[in-house]
Amino acid sequence: QIMSIEAQLFELHEYARRENLEILEEFQESKSAKKPGRELFNEMMARIDNMDGVGILAWHPDRLARNSVDGGRIIYAVDTTEIVSLRFPTFWFEPTPQGKFMLQVAFGQSKYYSDNLVENITRGIRQKVRRGEWLVRAPFGYVNNPKTRNIEPHPTKSRIVVKAFEEYAKGTHTLGTIADFLADHGVSTKGTPPAKASVARMLSNRVYLGFTYHKGEYYDGSFAPIVSPTLFEAVQKMLAKKSRPRVQKVPNHFPFAQFARCGECGSMITAQYATNRFGTKYTYYRCTKKKGVCRQPYLSSSALISQAKNLLQSVSLPLSEIENMEKQIDLWDKESISERGSVAQNLKTKLSETKEKLDKLVSIYLDGDIERDIYLQRKDLLLRQKAKFEESFKDFGQQRKNWVEPYRFCTPFGLFTSQSS
């Protein structure tokens, strides 16, 4: 049964020579006998219907049929004497009641073997899914680990994936430029950059969040994610935005515009770009002269920044105000500790609620109350929300006083004590 078709043919020809059997025609069926409807099998049975006194020579009964339909056709053809002989090098058969019974047993054993094999494979797949293992070949950025029978991030390719996500999240790239970026880093198909559709699939592939996939459904994976939920969601928003492009005017970034006033006439300061003959772009500020004649010329952004620095450096606070600031910072510190405890509890609650929603969703789907498409959409959304809450909770636990201590140090009193120590 494990022999190749070529080896089986050789053995069958040797058997026919030894038994003085005349081979009228050969049929080499490469499709599995598990399911009915094989073209060559149907053609063989049609030829038998139009011939008299013929038999079938096969390596084993399971080469003829491993399903009840084809097996029934063979047995019925033997009953009606359309097939007068069945010969197998590895199986005995005679067209007697006992022989036909043994043939039915052989067909039944073959079907049982196929069904049992499918059940064992399916059970193994279900167990791998429960363990969160990846089932097939590792996607780009991961590598299959034969020891764990799972996938793990590739040391270099995973960084390429992260960089591609980060670049696209900026909003300055298209799928085409990301494809060129991947090609520059060795990701190509026969020397050409990946197709835009392939790039879009990669940027929306949940495997990079640590999810495994089976039959259209995502599950929690036991392998390390490559992309953070925050970055993944940013890329999804950018993909959705670029799928329906809108013409938007990009606002100019002039920090001092509508903020400073002219020292001579009191009008507001505005700004504009200027480009030299080499293509270098500069920012210049000028008075709007809304209040009349003003003699102030244009001013470069670097010169204006220098003026602002000099002005700020000339300002100092009295010691009493510094002490009041220290007291306020201490108060903020206490409030921050209380607030952090509340935020941590809120994240725990949201994470627990999301897990409960997932469990309820599975129960509703198993009860047949919702369609599979709706179930898959909602499960995908809840899994992504759960990953986002888990990331937030993990980052929150690793955070320290992210603003109180730097703020305390940056006060004049903090700088003084630091320098003294």
Protein backbone atom coordinates (compact mmCIF):
# COMPACT_ATOMS: atom_id res chain seq x y z
CA GLN A 1 0.00 0.00 0.00
CA ILE A 2 2.95 2.29 0.56
CA MET A 3 4.50 1.40 -2.79
CA SER A 4 4.56 3.96 -5.57
CA ILE A 5 2.41 3.54 -8.68
CA GLU A 6 5.47 2.63 -10.74
CA ALA A 7 6.50 -0.10 -8.28
CA GLN A 8 2.95 -1.45 -8.11
CA LEU A 9 2.78 -1.66 -11.92
CA PHE A 10 6.06 -3.57 -12.03
CA GLU A 11 4.84 -6.09 -9.44
CA LEU A 12 1.49 -6.47 -11.23
CA HIS A 13 3.19 -7.20 -14.56
CA GLU A 14 5.39 -9.80 -12.88
CA TYR A 15 2.32 -11.36 -11.25
CA ALA A 16 0.43 -11.44 -14.58
CA ARG A 17 3.40 -13.13 -16.25
CA ARG A 18 3.59 -15.80 -13.56
CA GLU A 19 -0.17 -16.43 -13.62
CA ASN A 20 -0.46 -16.29 -17.45
CA LEU A 21 -2.90 -13.36 -17.33
CA GLU A 22 -3.49 -11.21 -20.41
CA ILE A 23 -3.60 -7.48 -19.68
CA LEU A 24 -6.07 -5.79 -22.04
CA GLU A 25 -5.77 -2.23 -20.75
CA GLU A 26 -4.10 -0.31 -17.94
CA PHE A 27 -5.62 2.43 -15.77
CA GLN A 28 -3.26 4.46 -13.58
CA GLU A 29 -5.43 6.40 -11.14
CA SER A 30 -3.47 8.90 -9.05
CA LYS A 31 -6.46 10.31 -7.17
CA SER A 32 -7.33 9.01 -3.73
CA ALA A 33 -9.85 6.17 -3.53
CA LYS A 34 -11.35 7.75 -0.41
CA LYS A 35 -13.98 9.71 -2.34
CA PRO A 36 -16.18 8.54 -5.24
CA GLY A 37 -16.20 10.25 -8.62
CA ARG A 38 -12.71 9.40 -9.90
CA GLU A 39 -12.66 9.88 -13.68
CA LEU A 40 -10.40 6.93 -14.51
CA PHE A 41 -12.30 4.60 -12.18
CA ASN A 42 -15.59 5.59 -13.84
CA GLU A 43 -14.00 5.09 -17.26
CA MET A 44 -12.80 1.61 -16.25
CA MET A 45 -16.25 0.61 -15.00
CA ALA A 46 -17.83 1.93 -18.22
CA ARG A 47 -15.44 -0.22 -20.28
CA ILE A 48 -16.30 -3.27 -18.17
CA ASP A 49 -20.02 -2.69 -18.83
CA ASN A 50 -19.32 -2.96 -22.58
CA MET A 51 -17.15 -6.09 -22.36
CA ASP A 52 -17.78 -9.73 -21.46
CA GLY A 53 -15.79 -12.07 -19.28
CA VAL A 54 -13.20 -9.60 -18.00
CA GLY A 55 -11.55 -9.25 -14.64
CA ILE A 56 -9.57 -6.67 -12.67
CA LEU A 57 -5.97 -7.02 -11.55
CA ALA A 58 -4.99 -4.58 -8.78
CA TRP A 59 -2.35 -4.45 -6.08
CA HIS A 60 -4.87 -4.51 -3.20
CA PRO A 61 -8.65 -3.99 -2.78
CA ASP A 62 -8.01 -0.59 -1.19
CA ARG A 63 -6.51 0.55 -4.53
CA LEU A 64 -9.97 0.03 -6.05
CA ALA A 65 -12.11 1.62 -3.38
CA ARG A 66 -11.98 3.08 0.10
CA ASN A 67 -15.53 4.39 -0.04
CA SER A 68 -18.86 2.60 0.09
CA VAL A 69 -20.06 3.83 -3.34
CA ASP A 70 -17.18 2.49 -5.45
CA GLY A 71 -16.89 -0.63 -3.30
CA GLY A 72 -20.59 -1.33 -3.85
CA ARG A 73 -20.18 -0.94 -7.62
CA ILE A 74 -17.36 -3.51 -7.67
CA ILE A 75 -19.32 -6.04 -5.61
CA TYR A 76 -22.48 -5.51 -7.67
CA ALA A 77 -20.49 -6.04 -10.90
CA VAL A 78 -19.21 -9.32 -9.45
CA ASP A 79 -22.77 -10.34 -8.50
CA THR A 80 -23.99 -9.69 -12.05
CA THR A 81 -20.92 -11.44 -13.54
CA GLU A 82 -19.82 -8.28 -15.37
CA ILE A 83 -16.59 -8.92 -13.50
CA VAL A 84 -15.73 -12.62 -13.58
CA SER A 85 -12.45 -12.39 -11.71
CA LEU A 86 -10.64 -10.15 -9.23
CA ARG A 87 -6.92 -10.87 -8.76
CA PHE A 88 -4.61 -9.30 -6.17
CA PRO A 89 -0.99 -10.29 -5.45
CA THR A 90 -1.55 -9.57 -1.76
CA PHE A 91 -5.16 -10.69 -1.29
CA TRP A 92 -7.10 -13.86 -2.12
CA PHE A 93 -10.53 -13.64 -3.78
CA GLU A 94 -12.96 -16.05 -5.45
CA PRO A 95 -16.45 -15.16 -6.78
CA THR A 96 -18.16 -17.21 -4.08
CA PRO A 97 -20.34 -16.05 -1.17
CA GLN A 98 -17.35 -16.42 1.14
CA GLY A 99 -15.08 -14.58 -1.31
CA LYS A 100 -17.54 -11.70 -1.76
CA PHE A 101 -17.95 -11.47 1.99
CA MET A 102 -14.17 -11.22 2.43
CA LEU A 103 -14.06 -8.58 -0.31
CA GLN A 104 -16.68 -6.55 1.55
CA VAL A 105 -14.61 -6.91 4.71
CA ALA A 106 -11.51 -5.70 2.83
CA PHE A 107 -13.38 -2.68 1.46
CA GLY A 108 -14.79 -1.99 4.93
CA GLN A 109 -11.35 -2.21 6.51
CA SER A 110 -9.97 0.19 3.91
CA LYS A 111 -12.78 2.68 4.59
CA TYR A 112 -12.30 2.32 8.34
CA TYR A 113 -8.57 2.95 7.93
CA SER A 114 -9.23 6.14 5.93
CA ASP A 115 -11.91 7.42 8.29
CA ASN A 116 -9.82 6.63 11.36
CA LEU A 117 -6.77 8.32 9.83
CA VAL A 118 -8.81 11.47 9.14
CA GLU A 119 -10.17 11.44 12.69
CA ASN A 120 -6.69 11.04 14.17
CA ILE A 121 -5.32 13.88 12.06
CA THR A 122 -8.30 16.10 12.91
CA ARG A 123 -7.91 15.34 16.61
CA GLY A 124 -4.22 16.19 16.42
CA ILE A 125 -4.99 19.49 14.69
CA ARG A 126 -7.59 20.37 17.33
CA GLN A 127 -5.03 19.66 20.05
CA LYS A 128 -2.42 21.85 18.33
CA VAL A 129 -4.98 24.65 18.05
CA ARG A 130 -5.80 24.33 21.76
CA ARG A 131 -2.09 24.60 22.54
CA GLY A 132 -1.89 27.70 20.34
CA GLU A 133 0.58 26.21 17.86
CA TRP A 134 0.94 27.31 14.24
CA LEU A 135 -0.26 24.52 11.95
CA VAL A 136 1.44 25.09 8.61
CA ARG A 137 4.57 26.64 7.15
CA ALA A 138 5.78 29.69 9.05
CA PRO A 139 4.84 33.04 7.48
CA PHE A 140 7.52 35.60 6.66
CA GLY A 141 9.12 36.89 9.84
CA TYR A 142 8.80 33.56 11.63
CA VAL A 143 10.67 30.26 11.37
CA ASN A 144 9.46 26.73 12.11
CA ASN A 145 11.10 25.16 15.15
CA PRO A 146 11.16 21.34 14.70
CA LYS A 147 11.86 20.81 18.41
CA THR A 148 8.80 22.67 19.69
CA ARG A 149 6.76 22.00 16.52
CA ASN A 150 5.78 25.64 16.62
CA ILE A 151 7.02 28.89 15.13
CA GLU A 152 9.24 31.58 16.60
CA PRO A 153 10.38 35.03 15.39
CA HIS A 154 13.25 34.94 12.93
CA PRO A 155 16.18 36.99 14.31
CA THR A 156 16.49 39.23 11.22
CA LYS A 157 13.30 38.80 9.20
CA SER A 158 11.11 39.69 12.18
CA ARG A 159 12.84 43.08 12.38
CA ILE A 160 12.07 43.66 8.70
CA VAL A 161 8.38 42.99 9.42
CA VAL A 162 8.36 45.42 12.36
CA LYS A 163 10.10 48.09 10.27
CA ALA A 164 7.57 47.63 7.44
CA PHE A 165 4.70 48.09 9.92
CA GLU A 166 6.35 51.16 11.45
CA GLU A 167 6.99 52.78 8.08
CA TYR A 168 3.45 52.22 6.83
CA ALA A 169 1.95 53.51 10.09
CA LYS A 170 3.62 56.88 9.45
CA GLY A 171 1.21 57.48 6.58
CA THR A 172 3.92 58.55 4.14
CA HIS A 173 4.13 55.21 2.32
CA THR A 174 1.97 53.31 -0.13
CA LEU A 175 1.73 49.56 -0.59
CA GLY A 176 4.05 49.96 -3.57
CA THR A 177 6.79 51.73 -1.61
CA ILE A 178 6.53 49.14 1.18
CA ALA A 179 6.91 46.43 -1.49
CA ASP A 180 10.07 48.19 -2.70
CA PHE A 181 11.29 48.43 0.90
CA LEU A 182 10.79 44.68 1.35
CA ALA A 183 12.54 43.97 -1.95
CA ASP A 184 15.52 46.09 -0.84
CA HIS A 185 15.76 43.84 2.22
CA GLY A 186 15.75 40.62 0.23
CA VAL A 187 12.02 39.87 0.18
CA SER A 188 11.18 39.24 -3.47
CA THR A 189 9.46 36.79 -5.79
CA LYS A 190 11.79 35.63 -8.56
CA GLY A 191 13.69 38.89 -8.34
CA THR A 192 10.64 41.17 -8.39
CA PRO A 193 9.12 43.05 -5.41
CA PRO A 194 6.10 41.49 -3.70
CA ALA A 195 2.70 42.30 -5.17
CA LYS A 196 0.65 45.01 -3.48
CA ALA A 197 -1.98 42.43 -2.53
CA SER A 198 0.70 40.35 -0.78
CA VAL A 199 1.90 43.41 1.13
CA ALA A 200 -1.68 44.23 2.18
CA ARG A 201 -2.15 40.65 3.41
CA MET A 202 1.08 40.85 5.38
CA LEU A 203 0.12 44.16 7.00
CA SER A 204 -3.25 42.74 8.07
CA ASN A 205 -2.05 39.25 9.09
CA ARG A 206 -3.07 38.54 12.70
CA VAL A 207 -0.24 36.04 13.11
CA TYR A 208 2.06 38.99 13.85
CA LEU A 209 -0.15 39.69 16.90
CA GLY A 210 0.48 36.16 18.15
CA PHE A 211 -2.76 34.57 16.85
CA THR A 212 -2.92 31.15 15.23
CA TYR A 213 -5.39 30.39 12.43
CA HIS A 214 -7.48 27.38 11.43
CA LYS A 215 -10.46 27.09 9.06
CA GLY A 216 -11.11 30.82 8.86
CA GLU A 217 -10.94 31.34 12.64
CA TYR A 218 -8.29 32.96 14.84
CA TYR A 219 -7.16 31.59 18.21
CA ASP A 220 -4.71 32.71 20.89
CA GLY A 221 -1.25 31.52 19.88
CA SER A 222 1.49 30.20 22.15
CA PHE A 223 4.28 31.80 20.09
CA ALA A 224 5.75 35.27 20.56
CA PRO A 225 4.12 38.14 18.64
CA ILE A 226 6.27 40.29 16.38
CA VAL A 227 4.13 43.45 16.26
CA SER A 228 2.54 45.23 19.23
CA PRO A 229 -1.27 45.64 19.22
CA THR A 230 -0.88 49.44 19.20
CA LEU A 231 1.27 49.38 16.06
CA PHE A 232 -0.98 46.79 14.40
CA GLU A 233 -4.12 48.86 14.99
CA ALA A 234 -2.37 51.98 13.69
CA VAL A 235 -1.55 50.13 10.47
CA GLN A 236 -5.14 48.88 10.14
CA LYS A 237 -6.43 52.45 10.44
CA MET A 238 -3.96 53.58 7.80
CA LEU A 239 -4.99 50.72 5.48
CA ALA A 240 -8.65 51.66 5.89
CA LYS A 241 -7.87 55.32 5.33
CA LYS A 242 -5.88 54.68 2.17
CA SER A 243 -8.54 52.36 0.80
CA ARG A 244 -10.82 55.41 0.45
CA PRO A 245 -8.39 58.27 -0.26
CA ARG A 246 -9.52 61.82 0.30
CA VAL A 247 -7.83 64.99 -0.78
CA GLN A 248 -6.74 66.76 2.38
CA LYS A 249 -4.70 69.88 2.74
CA VAL A 250 -1.65 69.24 4.86
CA PRO A 251 -1.39 72.05 7.44
CA ASN A 252 1.86 73.98 7.64
CA HIS A 253 3.84 73.58 10.83
CA PHE A 254 4.81 77.05 12.00
CA PRO A 255 5.25 76.98 15.82
CA PHE A 256 5.42 80.76 16.32
CA ALA A 257 2.67 81.77 13.88
CA GLN A 258 -0.38 83.25 15.63
CA PHE A 259 1.63 83.09 18.86
CA ALA A 260 4.12 85.98 18.84
CA ARG A 261 3.59 89.65 18.10
CA CYS A 262 5.78 92.16 16.36
CA GLY A 263 7.90 94.20 18.79
CA GLU A 264 7.49 97.39 16.76
CA CYS A 265 3.82 97.60 15.74
CA GLY A 266 2.18 94.86 17.81
CA SER A 267 0.74 92.96 14.82
CA MET A 268 0.70 89.16 14.78
CA ILE A 269 3.65 87.22 13.37
CA THR A 270 3.10 84.95 10.35
CA ALA A 271 5.43 82.57 8.51
CA GLN A 272 6.16 81.21 5.05
CA TYR A 273 8.51 78.85 3.26
CA ALA A 274 11.33 79.94 0.96
CA THR A 275 13.44 77.71 -1.29
CA ASN A 276 16.93 78.55 -2.54
CA ARG A 277 18.36 77.60 -5.92
CA PHE A 278 19.66 74.30 -4.52
CA GLY A 279 16.18 73.20 -3.47
CA THR A 280 16.71 73.69 0.27
CA LYS A 281 13.57 74.85 2.08
CA TYR A 282 13.73 77.48 4.83
CA THR A 283 11.14 78.94 7.18
CA TYR A 284 10.90 82.72 7.60
CA TYR A 285 8.75 84.72 9.99
CA ARG A 286 7.51 88.26 9.33
CA CYS A 287 5.12 90.85 10.66
CA THR A 288 1.63 90.84 9.14
CA LYS A 289 1.64 94.70 9.26
CA LYS A 290 -2.08 94.75 9.96
CA LYS A 291 -1.75 97.88 12.11
CA GLY A 292 0.01 100.02 9.56
CA VAL A 293 3.53 100.64 8.35
CA CYS A 294 6.20 98.49 9.99
CA ARG A 295 9.92 98.52 9.23
CA GLN A 296 10.73 95.09 10.63
CA PRO A 297 12.30 92.75 8.01
CA TYR A 298 11.93 88.98 7.57
CA LEU A 299 13.44 86.80 10.29
CA SER A 300 14.67 83.23 9.91
CA SER A 301 13.26 80.55 12.20
CA SER A 302 16.69 79.92 13.77
CA ALA A 303 17.05 83.61 14.65
CA LEU A 304 13.57 83.70 16.18
CA ILE A 305 14.29 80.57 18.22
CA SER A 306 17.50 82.18 19.49
CA GLN A 307 15.56 85.28 20.58
CA ALA A 308 13.01 83.11 22.40
CA LYS A 309 15.77 81.19 24.23
CA ASN A 310 17.47 84.40 25.35
CA LEU A 311 14.15 85.73 26.61
CA LEU A 312 13.37 82.57 28.59
CA GLN A 313 16.85 82.43 30.11
CA SER A 314 16.40 85.93 31.48
CA VAL A 315 13.38 84.83 33.52
CA SER A 316 13.75 83.42 37.06
CA LEU A 317 11.37 82.47 39.85
CA PRO A 318 11.59 83.54 43.50
CA LEU A 319 12.42 80.84 46.08
CA SER A 320 8.93 81.02 47.60
CA GLU A 321 7.37 80.10 44.26
CA ILE A 322 9.79 77.19 43.87
CA GLU A 323 8.78 75.84 47.28
CA ASN A 324 5.11 76.14 46.31
CA MET A 325 5.86 74.23 43.12
CA GLU A 326 7.52 71.46 45.16
CA LYS A 327 4.44 71.17 47.37
CA GLN A 328 2.21 71.00 44.32
CA ILE A 329 4.39 68.30 42.78
CA ASP A 330 4.13 66.25 46.00
CA LEU A 331 0.34 66.58 45.82
CA TRP A 332 0.35 65.50 42.17
CA ASP A 333 2.56 62.55 43.11
CA LYS A 334 -0.01 61.28 45.64
CA GLU A 335 -2.83 61.80 43.17
CA SER A 336 -0.84 59.94 40.51
CA ILE A 337 -0.39 56.89 42.77
CA SER A 338 -4.12 56.78 43.47
CA GLU A 339 -4.94 57.28 39.81
CA ARG A 340 -2.55 54.53 38.72
CA GLY A 341 -4.26 52.07 41.05
CA SER A 342 -7.62 53.00 39.58
CA VAL A 343 -6.32 52.67 36.00
CA ALA A 344 -4.79 49.26 36.76
CA GLN A 345 -8.08 48.01 38.20
CA ASN A 346 -9.95 49.40 35.19
CA LEU A 347 -7.63 47.53 32.80
CA LYS A 348 -8.12 44.30 34.76
CA THR A 349 -11.88 44.74 34.58
CA LYS A 350 -11.86 45.40 30.83
CA LEU A 351 -9.60 42.41 30.20
CA SER A 352 -11.85 40.14 32.27
CA GLU A 353 -14.98 41.45 30.52
CA THR A 354 -13.42 40.84 27.10
CA LYS A 355 -12.57 37.23 28.02
CA GLU A 356 -16.15 36.70 29.24
CA LYS A 357 -17.48 38.12 25.96
CA LEU A 358 -15.30 35.68 24.03
CA ASP A 359 -16.62 32.74 26.05
CA LYS A 360 -20.23 33.88 25.58
CA LEU A 361 -19.66 34.42 21.85
CA VAL A 362 -18.38 30.85 21.44
CA SER A 363 -21.39 29.51 23.38
CA ILE A 364 -23.84 31.50 21.26
CA TYR A 365 -22.17 30.25 18.07
CA LEU A 366 -22.22 26.62 19.23
CA ASP A 367 -25.92 26.98 20.05
CA GLY A 368 -26.49 28.09 16.44
CA ASP A 369 -27.87 31.52 17.36
CA ILE A 370 -25.55 33.51 15.06
CA GLU A 371 -24.11 32.95 11.59
CA ARG A 372 -20.49 31.90 11.18
CA ASP A 373 -19.50 35.11 9.34
CA ILE A 374 -20.81 37.28 12.17
CA TYR A 375 -19.14 35.02 14.72
CA LEU A 376 -15.74 35.28 12.99
CA GLN A 377 -15.98 39.08 12.70
CA ARG A 378 -16.86 39.54 16.36
CA LYS A 379 -14.26 37.04 17.53
CA ASP A 380 -11.55 38.80 15.53
CA LEU A 381 -12.54 42.14 17.09
CA LEU A 382 -12.59 40.72 20.64
CA LEU A 383 -9.23 38.97 20.22
CA ARG A 384 -7.64 42.22 19.05
CA GLN A 385 -9.21 44.10 21.96
CA LYS A 386 -7.91 41.49 24.40
CA ALA A 387 -4.41 41.76 22.94
CA LYS A 388 -4.57 45.56 23.24
CA PHE A 389 -5.67 45.40 26.91
CA GLU A 390 -2.96 42.84 27.69
CA GLU A 391 -0.35 45.09 26.09
CA SER A 392 -1.63 48.13 28.02
CA PHE A 393 -1.63 46.22 31.31
CA LYS A 394 1.89 44.92 30.69
CA ASP A 395 3.21 48.37 29.76
CA PHE A 396 1.38 49.89 32.73
CA GLY A 397 3.07 47.48 35.11
CA GLN A 398 6.48 48.33 33.69
CA GLN A 399 5.95 52.09 33.82
CA ARG A 400 7.31 54.19 36.63
CA LYS A 401 6.32 57.73 37.55
CA ASN A 402 6.60 58.80 33.97
CA TRP A 403 6.13 62.51 34.48
CA VAL A 404 6.28 63.44 38.18
CA GLU A 405 9.97 62.69 38.75
CA PRO A 406 11.22 64.38 35.54
CA TYR A 407 9.05 67.39 36.36
CA ARG A 408 10.40 67.52 39.93
CA PHE A 409 13.97 67.35 38.61
CA CYS A 410 13.36 70.07 36.02
CA THR A 411 12.27 72.67 38.60
CA PRO A 412 14.99 75.12 39.67
CA PHE A 413 14.99 73.59 43.17
CA GLY A 414 15.44 70.12 41.74
CA LEU A 415 18.33 71.24 39.57
CA PHE A 416 19.95 72.95 42.55
CA THR A 417 19.71 69.89 44.83
CA SER A 418 20.98 67.62 42.04
CA GLN A 419 24.03 69.80 41.42
CA SER A 420 24.71 70.09 45.16
CA SER A 421 24.65 66.33 45.64
